[in-house]
Amino acid sequence: PPLRNSMAAKSEKGGEEAKKGEYTLNFTELQPTAVKIAEHAVTSVLSGEVYEAARVTTWSDKITELALDELQKLSDNFKYAVSCIIMQKNGAGIATSGSAHWDEQTDACAQVVWQENRTIVCILTIMGVAI
């Protein structure tokens, strides 16, 4: 189910619907919701699937698009970048690294390592940068 309803909050002016985080300029305040969005995106695409190399690009595209669509509904105060790594769960290791030059007062990232499947591991990283 979409997370849209859980992201709306009543504003104090006339009971209008306002986006959660509408007045937030610090992505760390939105991190718990961003993690839920990431978990939902990955689970909705990969749950019940068996690793198949030919389908990884399609899965990755769907996951990142779903997450980005929901993030954009969360707050217009940020630019978002979403990164998805999907690999076969076969005991092989993986090393990843990332670096960013941003404002630590407003910008941050959220990450989900999804291993709920016996054949697939997915790492989804969301970066929120204040506009």
Protein backbone atom coordinates (compact mmCIF):
# COMPACT_ATOMS: atom_id res chain seq x y z
CA PRO A 1 0.00 0.00 0.00
CA PRO A 2 1.24 3.52 -0.72
CA LEU A 3 2.62 5.55 2.16
CA ARG A 4 0.91 8.72 0.93
CA ASN A 5 -1.76 8.82 3.66
CA SER A 6 0.74 8.51 6.48
CA MET A 7 2.72 11.45 5.14
CA ALA A 8 -0.07 13.99 5.25
CA ALA A 9 -0.69 16.05 8.35
CA LYS A 10 -3.35 18.63 9.09
CA SER A 11 -2.07 22.18 9.05
CA GLU A 12 -3.34 24.63 11.62
CA LYS A 13 -4.76 26.96 8.95
CA GLY A 14 -8.25 25.90 7.93
CA GLY A 15 -7.63 22.14 8.18
CA GLU A 16 -5.82 22.08 4.83
CA GLU A 17 -3.69 19.07 4.06
CA ALA A 18 0.00 19.85 4.42
CA LYS A 19 2.93 17.62 3.58
CA LYS A 20 4.76 16.22 6.56
CA GLY A 21 8.04 18.08 6.65
CA GLU A 22 6.62 21.00 4.67
CA TYR A 23 8.43 23.44 6.94
CA THR A 24 11.38 21.18 7.71
CA LEU A 25 14.79 22.26 6.47
CA ASN A 26 16.71 19.45 8.19
CA PHE A 27 16.66 16.05 6.49
CA THR A 28 17.59 14.26 9.73
CA GLU A 29 14.04 15.04 10.93
CA LEU A 30 12.69 13.13 7.93
CA GLN A 31 15.11 10.18 8.12
CA PRO A 32 12.72 7.79 9.92
CA THR A 33 10.08 8.35 7.22
CA ALA A 34 12.71 8.10 4.47
CA VAL A 35 13.77 4.71 5.88
CA LYS A 36 10.13 3.53 5.80
CA ILE A 37 9.84 4.73 2.20
CA ALA A 38 13.03 2.82 1.29
CA GLU A 39 11.86 -0.35 3.01
CA HIS A 40 8.48 -0.13 1.29
CA ALA A 41 10.04 0.43 -2.15
CA VAL A 42 12.44 -2.51 -1.85
CA THR A 43 9.92 -4.90 -0.31
CA SER A 44 7.20 -4.10 -2.83
CA VAL A 45 9.52 -4.87 -5.76
CA LEU A 46 11.71 -7.71 -4.47
CA SER A 47 9.49 -9.63 -2.05
CA GLY A 48 9.00 -13.15 -3.38
CA GLU A 49 11.47 -12.74 -6.25
CA VAL A 50 14.39 -15.07 -6.98
CA TYR A 51 17.66 -13.50 -8.11
CA GLU A 52 17.94 -13.33 -11.87
CA ALA A 53 20.72 -11.18 -13.31
CA ALA A 54 18.67 -10.23 -16.38
CA ARG A 55 16.00 -8.60 -14.15
CA VAL A 56 18.29 -6.59 -11.84
CA THR A 57 18.21 -3.38 -13.92
CA THR A 58 14.41 -3.43 -14.09
CA TRP A 59 14.11 -4.06 -10.34
CA SER A 60 16.61 -1.31 -9.54
CA ASP A 61 14.80 1.19 -11.78
CA LYS A 62 11.43 0.37 -10.19
CA ILE A 63 12.79 0.62 -6.65
CA THR A 64 14.50 3.98 -7.19
CA GLU A 65 11.51 5.45 -9.05
CA LEU A 66 9.07 4.32 -6.36
CA ALA A 67 11.25 5.72 -3.57
CA LEU A 68 11.83 9.01 -5.40
CA ASP A 69 8.11 9.47 -6.11
CA GLU A 70 7.27 9.04 -2.42
CA LEU A 71 10.15 11.26 -1.26
CA GLN A 72 8.98 14.09 -3.48
CA LYS A 73 5.59 13.92 -1.73
CA LEU A 74 7.32 14.10 1.65
CA SER A 75 8.83 17.58 1.32
CA ASP A 76 9.58 20.04 -1.47
CA ASN A 77 12.40 21.55 0.59
CA PHE A 78 14.95 18.98 -0.56
CA LYS A 79 16.60 17.59 -3.64
CA TYR A 80 16.81 13.81 -3.42
CA ALA A 81 19.24 11.28 -4.83
CA VAL A 82 18.51 7.57 -4.59
CA SER A 83 21.07 4.81 -5.15
CA CYS A 84 20.23 1.11 -5.39
CA ILE A 85 22.58 -1.87 -5.28
CA ILE A 86 21.15 -5.33 -5.90
CA MET A 87 23.28 -8.42 -5.65
CA GLN A 88 22.84 -12.14 -5.44
CA LYS A 89 22.97 -13.49 -1.90
CA ASN A 90 25.64 -16.16 -2.27
CA GLY A 91 28.09 -15.40 0.50
CA ALA A 92 30.23 -13.02 -1.55
CA GLY A 93 31.28 -9.79 0.12
CA ILE A 94 30.69 -6.27 -1.07
CA ALA A 95 32.46 -3.04 -0.24
CA THR A 96 30.87 0.29 -1.06
CA SER A 97 31.87 3.83 -0.31
CA GLY A 98 30.29 7.21 -0.70
CA SER A 99 31.27 10.76 -0.07
CA ALA A 100 29.42 14.06 -0.14
CA HIS A 101 30.21 17.68 0.49
CA TRP A 102 27.07 19.14 2.02
CA ASP A 103 25.69 21.20 4.88
CA GLU A 104 25.63 18.95 7.94
CA GLN A 105 22.96 21.19 9.52
CA THR A 106 20.37 20.45 6.82
CA ASP A 107 21.51 17.55 4.61
CA ALA A 108 21.78 13.84 5.42
CA CYS A 109 21.21 10.35 4.11
CA ALA A 110 19.21 7.28 5.04
CA GLN A 111 20.10 3.72 4.13
CA VAL A 112 18.36 0.35 4.16
CA VAL A 113 20.13 -2.98 3.80
CA TRP A 114 17.40 -5.40 2.78
CA GLN A 115 18.11 -9.10 3.26
CA GLU A 116 14.59 -10.45 3.66
CA ASN A 117 14.97 -12.74 0.68
CA ARG A 118 17.04 -15.94 0.49
CA THR A 119 18.58 -15.03 -2.90
CA ILE A 120 18.75 -11.21 -3.02
CA VAL A 121 20.46 -8.44 -1.06
CA CYS A 122 19.52 -4.83 -1.76
CA ILE A 123 21.14 -1.66 -0.42
CA LEU A 124 19.08 1.48 -0.96
CA THR A 125 20.60 4.84 -0.08
CA ILE A 126 18.63 8.09 -0.02
CA MET A 127 20.33 11.47 0.15
CA GLY A 128 18.36 14.59 1.04
CA VAL A 129 19.92 17.97 0.28
CA ALA A 130 18.11 21.15 1.34
CA ILE A 131 17.23 23.57 -1.43
